[in-house]
N, C-alpha and C. Protein backbone atom coordinates (compact mmCIF):
# COMPACT_ATOMS: atom_id res chain seq x y z
N MET A 1 -7.76 27.30 22.97
CA MET A 1 -7.64 26.04 23.06
C MET A 1 -8.45 25.24 24.81
N ILE A 2 -8.33 24.04 24.18
CA ILE A 2 -9.41 23.61 25.65
C ILE A 2 -8.26 23.73 26.72
N ASP A 3 -8.65 23.48 27.67
CA ASP A 3 -7.88 23.29 28.81
C ASP A 3 -7.88 22.01 29.01
N LEU A 4 -6.67 21.83 29.00
CA LEU A 4 -6.13 20.20 29.14
C LEU A 4 -4.81 20.12 29.85
N PRO A 5 -5.01 20.87 31.18
CA PRO A 5 -3.76 20.94 32.45
C PRO A 5 -3.05 20.18 32.34
N ASN A 6 -3.37 18.69 32.52
CA ASN A 6 -2.61 17.84 32.51
C ASN A 6 -1.59 17.37 31.74
N LEU A 7 -1.92 17.78 30.23
CA LEU A 7 -0.77 17.77 29.38
C LEU A 7 0.24 18.47 28.64
N PRO A 8 1.15 17.71 28.25
CA PRO A 8 2.32 18.46 27.63
C PRO A 8 1.65 19.52 26.62
N PRO A 9 2.11 20.96 26.42
CA PRO A 9 1.63 21.73 25.46
C PRO A 9 1.85 21.00 24.30
N LEU A 10 2.18 20.41 23.32
CA LEU A 10 2.17 19.73 22.16
C LEU A 10 1.39 18.85 22.16
N GLU A 11 0.88 18.19 23.31
CA GLU A 11 -0.14 17.35 23.01
C GLU A 11 -1.89 18.20 23.02
N GLN A 12 -1.40 19.25 23.92
CA GLN A 12 -2.86 19.67 24.01
C GLN A 12 -2.73 20.53 22.65
N GLU A 13 -2.16 21.15 21.95
CA GLU A 13 -1.96 21.18 20.83
C GLU A 13 -2.59 20.37 19.72
N ARG A 14 -2.33 19.32 19.84
CA ARG A 14 -2.89 18.35 18.86
C ARG A 14 -4.07 17.81 19.30
N ILE A 15 -4.61 17.88 20.61
CA ILE A 15 -6.14 17.40 20.84
C ILE A 15 -7.23 18.59 20.22
N THR A 16 -6.53 19.80 20.77
CA THR A 16 -7.63 20.67 20.20
C THR A 16 -7.69 20.94 18.60
N CYS A 17 -5.92 21.25 17.75
CA CYS A 17 -6.35 21.51 16.44
C CYS A 17 -7.20 20.24 15.97
N SER A 18 -6.76 19.01 16.20
CA SER A 18 -7.43 17.55 15.94
C SER A 18 -9.00 17.99 15.62
N ILE A 19 -9.43 18.33 17.03
CA ILE A 19 -10.94 17.96 17.16
C ILE A 19 -11.03 19.48 16.23
N SER A 20 -10.65 20.75 16.30
CA SER A 20 -11.18 21.83 15.66
C SER A 20 -11.25 21.11 14.21
N ALA A 21 -9.78 20.90 13.48
CA ALA A 21 -10.17 20.56 11.93
C ALA A 21 -11.27 19.57 11.84
N ALA A 22 -11.22 18.50 12.53
CA ALA A 22 -12.22 17.43 12.06
C ALA A 22 -13.94 18.23 12.17
N VAL A 23 -14.03 18.82 12.90
CA VAL A 23 -15.33 19.62 12.94
C VAL A 23 -15.11 20.18 11.62
N LYS A 24 -14.46 21.01 11.20
CA LYS A 24 -14.39 22.01 10.18
C LYS A 24 -14.46 21.36 8.81
N TYR A 25 -13.77 19.92 8.84
CA TYR A 25 -13.99 19.37 7.54
C TYR A 25 -14.94 18.28 7.77
N LYS A 26 -15.76 18.01 8.47
CA LYS A 26 -16.85 17.09 8.71
C LYS A 26 -16.28 15.89 8.44
N ILE A 27 -15.05 15.52 9.28
CA ILE A 27 -14.64 13.94 9.79
C ILE A 27 -14.71 13.58 11.46
N PRO A 28 -15.04 12.15 11.11
CA PRO A 28 -14.90 11.96 12.70
C PRO A 28 -13.59 12.40 13.62
N ALA A 29 -13.68 12.90 14.87
CA ALA A 29 -12.90 13.39 15.42
C ALA A 29 -12.18 12.35 15.94
N ASN A 30 -12.53 11.25 16.32
CA ASN A 30 -11.63 10.31 17.21
C ASN A 30 -10.89 9.68 15.88
N ILE A 31 -11.03 9.74 14.76
CA ILE A 31 -10.16 9.41 13.47
C ILE A 31 -9.28 10.37 13.46
N MET A 32 -9.63 11.55 13.33
CA MET A 32 -8.50 12.63 13.14
C MET A 32 -7.47 12.64 14.27
N LEU A 33 -8.11 12.37 15.81
CA LEU A 33 -6.90 12.20 16.78
C LEU A 33 -6.33 10.90 16.68
N ALA A 34 -6.73 10.25 16.02
CA ALA A 34 -6.11 8.86 15.80
C ALA A 34 -4.94 9.09 14.72
N ILE A 35 -5.42 9.74 13.62
CA ILE A 35 -4.36 9.85 12.48
C ILE A 35 -3.17 10.99 13.11
N ALA A 36 -3.41 12.01 13.93
CA ALA A 36 -2.89 12.80 14.49
C ALA A 36 -1.72 11.76 15.26
N GLU A 37 -2.31 11.45 16.41
CA GLU A 37 -1.53 10.27 17.07
C GLU A 37 -0.48 9.61 16.46
N LYS A 38 -1.03 8.80 15.53
CA LYS A 38 -0.42 7.97 14.48
C LYS A 38 1.10 8.40 14.00
N GLU A 39 0.81 9.64 13.20
CA GLU A 39 1.72 10.16 12.45
C GLU A 39 2.84 10.51 13.51
N GLY A 40 2.38 11.40 14.95
CA GLY A 40 3.48 11.60 16.05
C GLY A 40 4.24 12.66 15.55
N GLY A 41 4.49 13.22 14.63
CA GLY A 41 5.53 14.36 14.12
C GLY A 41 5.28 15.67 15.02
N LYS A 42 6.21 16.22 14.74
CA LYS A 42 6.52 17.94 15.39
C LYS A 42 6.36 18.82 14.48
N PRO A 43 6.32 20.05 14.97
CA PRO A 43 6.33 21.28 13.91
C PRO A 43 7.64 21.50 13.70
N GLY A 44 8.49 21.67 12.55
CA GLY A 44 9.24 21.78 11.98
C GLY A 44 10.28 20.63 11.37
N GLN A 45 9.34 19.54 12.02
CA GLN A 45 9.91 18.03 11.42
C GLN A 45 10.02 17.82 10.20
N TRP A 46 11.00 17.13 9.54
CA TRP A 46 11.00 16.51 8.34
C TRP A 46 12.12 15.22 8.70
N VAL A 47 11.08 14.10 7.82
CA VAL A 47 11.46 13.09 8.09
C VAL A 47 11.45 12.64 6.69
N LYS A 48 12.98 11.83 6.14
CA LYS A 48 13.23 11.60 4.70
C LYS A 48 12.65 9.96 4.81
N ASN A 49 11.90 9.72 3.52
CA ASN A 49 11.42 8.56 3.20
C ASN A 49 12.31 7.72 2.92
N LYS A 50 12.45 6.53 3.02
CA LYS A 50 13.57 5.63 2.89
C LYS A 50 13.30 5.07 1.16
N LYS A 51 12.29 4.98 0.65
CA LYS A 51 11.93 4.27 -0.62
C LYS A 51 11.40 5.19 -1.53
N SER A 52 11.20 6.65 -1.28
CA SER A 52 10.88 7.67 -2.24
C SER A 52 12.05 8.76 -2.19
N ASN A 53 12.14 10.04 -2.74
CA ASN A 53 12.79 11.01 -2.89
C ASN A 53 11.58 12.28 -2.01
N THR A 54 11.23 11.54 -1.13
CA THR A 54 10.25 12.51 -0.53
C THR A 54 10.48 12.83 1.14
N HIS A 55 9.69 13.96 1.57
CA HIS A 55 9.74 13.87 2.95
C HIS A 55 8.37 13.70 3.60
N ASP A 56 8.24 13.37 5.10
CA ASP A 56 7.28 13.38 5.62
C ASP A 56 7.46 14.85 6.69
N VAL A 57 6.30 15.83 6.82
CA VAL A 57 6.77 17.20 7.23
C VAL A 57 5.42 17.35 8.28
N GLY A 58 6.28 18.06 9.61
CA GLY A 58 5.55 18.73 10.43
C GLY A 58 4.49 17.65 11.41
N PRO A 59 3.77 17.98 11.81
CA PRO A 59 3.10 17.56 13.28
C PRO A 59 2.42 16.24 12.51
N LEU A 60 1.71 16.27 11.30
CA LEU A 60 0.89 15.38 10.89
C LEU A 60 1.90 14.61 9.54
N GLN A 61 2.97 14.74 9.60
CA GLN A 61 3.79 13.89 8.70
C GLN A 61 3.33 13.98 6.94
N PHE A 62 3.22 15.43 6.68
CA PHE A 62 2.19 15.69 5.24
C PHE A 62 3.04 14.94 4.48
N ASN A 63 3.43 14.13 3.64
CA ASN A 63 4.19 13.76 2.41
C ASN A 63 4.51 14.91 1.72
N THR A 64 5.53 15.41 1.13
CA THR A 64 5.98 16.27 0.47
C THR A 64 5.43 16.08 -0.99
N ALA A 65 5.14 14.51 -1.41
CA ALA A 65 4.80 14.51 -2.54
C ALA A 65 2.88 15.19 -2.97
N TYR A 66 2.48 15.75 -1.87
CA TYR A 66 1.32 16.49 -1.84
C TYR A 66 1.66 17.80 -2.28
N LEU A 67 2.77 18.11 -1.76
CA LEU A 67 2.92 19.66 -2.09
C LEU A 67 2.35 20.18 -3.46
N ASN A 68 2.70 19.57 -4.72
CA ASN A 68 2.25 20.18 -5.41
C ASN A 68 0.79 20.49 -5.70
N ASP A 69 -0.15 19.60 -5.20
CA ASP A 69 -1.44 19.79 -4.78
C ASP A 69 -1.43 21.15 -3.97
N LEU A 70 -1.05 21.58 -3.57
CA LEU A 70 -1.31 22.62 -2.50
C LEU A 70 -0.52 23.93 -2.93
N LYS A 71 0.31 23.86 -4.15
CA LYS A 71 1.09 25.24 -4.60
C LYS A 71 0.32 25.93 -5.28
N LYS A 72 -0.74 25.29 -5.85
CA LYS A 72 -2.01 26.54 -6.65
C LYS A 72 -2.21 27.03 -5.73
N TYR A 73 -2.36 26.87 -4.29
CA TYR A 73 -3.24 27.78 -3.27
C TYR A 73 -2.38 28.49 -2.30
N GLY A 74 -1.05 28.67 -2.92
CA GLY A 74 0.25 28.96 -2.63
C GLY A 74 0.59 28.85 -0.88
N ILE A 75 0.45 26.96 -1.00
CA ILE A 75 0.63 26.56 0.43
C ILE A 75 1.85 26.26 0.41
N THR A 76 2.67 26.19 1.16
CA THR A 76 3.98 25.74 1.22
C THR A 76 4.42 24.34 2.13
N ALA A 77 5.87 24.45 2.14
CA ALA A 77 6.21 23.21 3.01
C ALA A 77 6.22 23.63 4.57
N ALA A 78 6.84 24.72 4.54
CA ALA A 78 6.51 25.70 5.82
C ALA A 78 5.53 25.81 6.47
N ASP A 79 4.30 25.76 5.71
CA ASP A 79 3.07 26.04 6.03
C ASP A 79 2.38 24.62 6.79
N VAL A 80 3.02 23.23 5.83
CA VAL A 80 3.01 22.50 6.74
C VAL A 80 3.46 22.01 7.63
N ALA A 81 4.77 22.21 7.88
CA ALA A 81 5.55 22.41 8.95
C ALA A 81 5.18 22.92 10.26
N ALA A 82 4.71 23.98 10.29
CA ALA A 82 4.33 24.97 11.10
C ALA A 82 4.00 24.86 12.37
N PRO A 83 3.68 25.37 13.34
CA PRO A 83 3.55 25.12 14.62
C PRO A 83 1.79 25.68 14.71
N GLY A 84 0.79 25.29 15.29
CA GLY A 84 -0.38 25.70 15.59
C GLY A 84 -1.43 24.93 14.74
N CYS A 85 -2.71 25.24 14.47
CA CYS A 85 -3.49 24.30 13.99
C CYS A 85 -3.40 24.19 12.66
N TYR A 86 -2.96 25.13 11.86
CA TYR A 86 -2.86 25.09 10.42
C TYR A 86 -2.60 23.52 9.51
N PRO A 87 -1.74 22.90 10.42
CA PRO A 87 -1.32 21.55 9.62
C PRO A 87 -2.51 20.81 9.47
N TYR A 88 -2.75 20.81 11.00
CA TYR A 88 -3.98 20.02 10.98
C TYR A 88 -4.77 20.24 10.05
N GLN A 89 -5.58 21.22 9.95
CA GLN A 89 -6.82 21.75 9.01
C GLN A 89 -5.98 21.14 7.68
N LEU A 90 -4.74 21.76 6.95
CA LEU A 90 -4.56 20.97 5.77
C LEU A 90 -4.63 19.58 6.10
N ALA A 91 -4.35 18.65 6.88
CA ALA A 91 -4.07 17.38 6.92
C ALA A 91 -5.97 16.62 6.65
N ALA A 92 -6.79 17.55 7.66
CA ALA A 92 -8.18 17.02 7.81
C ALA A 92 -8.66 17.28 6.33
N TRP A 93 -8.41 18.43 5.46
CA TRP A 93 -8.84 18.60 4.05
C TRP A 93 -8.37 17.60 2.98
N ARG A 94 -7.24 16.76 3.77
CA ARG A 94 -6.92 15.76 2.62
C ARG A 94 -7.41 14.56 2.94
N ILE A 95 -7.74 14.25 4.39
CA ILE A 95 -8.59 12.93 5.05
C ILE A 95 -9.75 13.44 4.40
N HIS A 96 -10.60 14.35 4.35
CA HIS A 96 -11.99 14.49 3.69
C HIS A 96 -11.88 14.06 2.27
N GLY A 97 -10.99 14.76 1.72
CA GLY A 97 -11.06 14.12 0.15
C GLY A 97 -10.97 12.28 0.09
N HIS A 98 -9.94 11.64 0.84
CA HIS A 98 -9.83 10.59 0.47
C HIS A 98 -11.29 9.97 1.00
N ILE A 99 -11.52 10.74 1.82
CA ILE A 99 -13.36 9.58 2.81
C ILE A 99 -14.08 10.00 1.68
N LYS A 100 -14.12 11.41 0.84
CA LYS A 100 -15.29 11.52 0.16
C LYS A 100 -15.07 10.92 -1.20
N ASN A 101 -14.14 10.74 -2.02
CA ASN A 101 -13.42 10.36 -3.39
C ASN A 101 -13.19 8.89 -3.42
N ASP A 102 -12.18 8.37 -2.26
CA ASP A 102 -11.44 6.92 -2.26
C ASP A 102 -12.60 5.76 -2.55
N LYS A 103 -12.34 4.88 -3.17
CA LYS A 103 -13.19 3.37 -2.86
C LYS A 103 -12.44 2.89 -1.51
N GLY A 104 -13.76 2.15 -0.76
CA GLY A 104 -13.67 1.15 0.19
C GLY A 104 -13.82 1.57 1.37
N ASP A 105 -14.10 1.11 2.66
CA ASP A 105 -14.87 1.58 3.69
C ASP A 105 -14.08 2.84 4.45
N LEU A 106 -15.10 3.06 5.24
CA LEU A 106 -14.15 4.13 6.16
C LEU A 106 -12.84 4.11 6.31
N TRP A 107 -12.38 2.82 7.02
CA TRP A 107 -11.26 2.80 7.72
C TRP A 107 -10.16 2.90 6.72
N THR A 108 -10.38 2.08 5.28
CA THR A 108 -9.49 2.10 4.14
C THR A 108 -9.16 3.65 3.87
N LYS A 109 -10.56 3.95 3.61
CA LYS A 109 -10.00 5.65 2.92
C LYS A 109 -9.43 6.75 3.78
N ALA A 110 -9.11 6.49 5.02
CA ALA A 110 -8.73 7.11 6.13
C ALA A 110 -7.42 6.86 6.12
N SER A 111 -6.89 5.63 5.88
CA SER A 111 -5.81 4.82 6.19
C SER A 111 -4.91 5.16 4.73
N ASN A 112 -5.67 5.68 3.47
CA ASN A 112 -4.94 6.35 2.51
C ASN A 112 -4.24 7.74 2.66
N TYR A 113 -4.23 8.08 3.79
CA TYR A 113 -3.80 9.50 3.98
C TYR A 113 -2.14 9.11 4.33
N HIS A 114 -1.89 7.46 4.59
CA HIS A 114 -0.59 7.26 4.70
C HIS A 114 -0.07 6.71 3.79
N SER A 115 -1.34 5.81 2.65
CA SER A 115 -0.59 5.13 1.82
C SER A 115 -1.94 3.86 1.25
N ARG A 116 -1.70 4.05 0.05
CA ARG A 116 -2.60 3.44 -0.94
C ARG A 116 -2.56 2.20 -1.36
N THR A 117 -1.58 1.85 -1.12
CA THR A 117 -0.47 0.65 -1.10
C THR A 117 -1.74 -0.40 -0.39
N PRO A 118 -2.25 -1.62 -0.86
CA PRO A 118 -2.88 -2.49 0.28
C PRO A 118 -2.06 -2.76 1.12
N LYS A 119 -0.69 -3.18 1.36
CA LYS A 119 -0.18 -3.63 2.22
C LYS A 119 0.11 -2.78 3.51
N TYR A 120 0.54 -1.43 2.75
CA TYR A 120 0.79 -0.16 4.03
C TYR A 120 -0.37 -0.02 4.40
N ASN A 121 -1.71 0.26 3.69
CA ASN A 121 -2.77 0.47 4.46
C ASN A 121 -3.41 -0.30 5.16
N HIS A 122 -2.97 -1.83 5.12
CA HIS A 122 -3.96 -2.75 5.73
C HIS A 122 -3.45 -2.72 7.25
N ILE A 123 -2.17 -2.36 7.43
CA ILE A 123 -1.32 -2.18 8.62
C ILE A 123 -1.88 -0.82 9.17
N TYR A 124 -1.62 0.26 8.28
CA TYR A 124 -1.88 1.26 9.19
C TYR A 124 -3.44 1.26 9.68
N ARG A 125 -4.14 0.86 8.93
CA ARG A 125 -5.67 0.98 8.81
C ARG A 125 -6.13 0.06 10.34
N TYR A 126 -5.42 -1.02 10.72
CA TYR A 126 -5.69 -1.98 11.80
C TYR A 126 -5.04 -1.20 13.23
N ASP A 127 -4.00 -0.78 13.10
CA ASP A 127 -3.64 0.39 14.18
C ASP A 127 -4.56 1.70 14.17
N LEU A 128 -4.78 2.45 13.31
CA LEU A 128 -5.82 3.13 13.19
C LEU A 128 -7.12 3.03 13.96
N MET A 129 -7.93 2.09 13.64
CA MET A 129 -8.87 1.53 14.47
C MET A 129 -8.79 1.34 15.75
N LYS A 130 -7.55 0.71 16.35
CA LYS A 130 -7.66 0.46 17.08
C LYS A 130 -7.59 1.80 18.42
N LYS A 131 -6.36 2.89 17.66
CA LYS A 131 -6.11 4.29 18.13
C LYS A 131 -7.69 4.93 18.30
N ALA A 132 -8.36 4.71 17.39
CA ALA A 132 -9.72 5.71 16.82
C ALA A 132 -10.74 5.13 18.22
N ASN A 133 -10.67 4.08 18.44
CA ASN A 133 -11.50 3.64 19.57
C ASN A 133 -10.96 3.86 20.97
N LYS A 134 -9.79 4.02 21.35
CA LYS A 134 -9.56 4.82 22.08
C LYS A 134 -9.98 6.06 22.37
N TRP A 135 -10.01 7.23 21.31
CA TRP A 135 -9.85 8.22 21.53
C TRP A 135 -11.48 8.23 21.30
N ALA A 136 -12.60 7.57 20.72
CA ALA A 136 -13.60 7.81 20.91
C ALA A 136 -14.66 7.75 22.48
N ASP A 137 -13.38 6.89 22.73
CA ASP A 137 -13.72 6.53 24.96
C ASP A 137 -13.52 7.76 25.34
N TRP A 138 -12.10 8.36 24.89
CA TRP A 138 -12.07 9.49 25.42
C TRP A 138 -12.81 11.02 25.29
N LEU A 139 -13.01 10.48 24.20
CA LEU A 139 -14.10 12.05 23.82
C LEU A 139 -15.57 11.94 24.47
N GLU A 140 -15.91 10.84 24.75
CA GLU A 140 -16.77 10.31 25.78
C GLU A 140 -16.98 10.78 26.80
N ALA A 141 -15.66 9.92 27.22
CA ALA A 141 -15.37 10.90 29.02
C ALA A 141 -15.28 12.26 29.30
N ASN A 142 -14.76 12.93 28.35
CA ASN A 142 -14.42 14.27 28.26
C ASN A 142 -14.80 15.71 27.85
N TYR A 143 -16.16 14.90 26.96
CA TYR A 143 -16.85 15.81 26.54
C TYR A 143 -18.31 15.46 26.53
N LYS A 144 -19.12 16.36 27.01
CA LYS A 144 -20.85 16.17 27.06
C LYS A 144 -21.00 16.62 25.46
N THR A 145 -22.15 15.62 25.17
CA THR A 145 -22.65 15.70 24.12
C THR A 145 -24.54 15.40 24.20
N TYR A 146 -25.35 16.19 23.46
CA TYR A 146 -27.02 16.24 24.29
C TYR A 146 -27.41 16.14 22.62
N GLU A 147 -28.36 15.17 22.84
CA GLU A 147 -29.57 15.01 21.99
C GLU A 147 -30.19 15.86 21.62
N ILE A 148 -30.26 16.25 20.59
CA ILE A 148 -31.37 17.22 20.40
C ILE A 148 -32.94 16.96 19.68
N SER A 149 -33.47 17.04 20.23
CA SER A 149 -34.84 16.78 19.52
C SER A 149 -35.88 17.84 19.40
N PHE A 150 -36.58 17.51 18.17
CA PHE A 150 -37.01 18.77 17.83
C PHE A 150 -38.71 18.23 17.82
N HIS A 151 -39.87 19.35 18.65
CA HIS A 151 -41.18 18.81 18.54
C HIS A 151 -41.78 19.98 18.26
N ASN A 152 -43.12 20.02 17.89
CA ASN A 152 -44.00 20.82 17.40
C ASN A 152 -44.14 21.39 18.91
N ASP A 153 -44.17 22.90 18.76
CA ASP A 153 -44.58 23.74 19.96
C ASP A 153 -45.89 24.16 19.48
N ASN A 154 -46.58 24.04 18.49
CA ASN A 154 -47.97 24.46 18.00
C ASN A 154 -49.00 23.41 18.13
N LYS A 155 -48.74 22.19 18.74
CA LYS A 155 -49.85 21.13 19.05
C LYS A 155 -50.64 22.06 19.78
N LYS A 156 -51.97 21.64 19.88
CA LYS A 156 -53.35 21.90 20.24
C LYS A 156 -53.70 20.90 21.31
């Protein structure tokens, strides 16, 4: 895990797992961090949805409606609710799928993690953008990045 001594353990886990999942699934880390913050779940947590017979599960509040897609891979609700980085990997896999396959701009596609219904997507999207900007600033302040340029060493 990344050394984040001033943060509580669950926050450390959320940051570390979000960044590693974003890298693995090639999605912007600030977006993954923003979604993890917005969802705000905890390992083992189950929240019943008011308008459907589904639950949002675990740290990324993964909707049980998506579990049928995961069954064929042997992934269960317990996996989605577990502590550690695996639920973040599952959420990043789903977000990557939205970004790759859905219509709309990046923010709409990422917000499809929450809902494809335009009204709810728009509300989520607006807050996601604000949180992602905050996380982009945090990442820039806390992580060194380097621009790599290649040149021809065989010049005469």
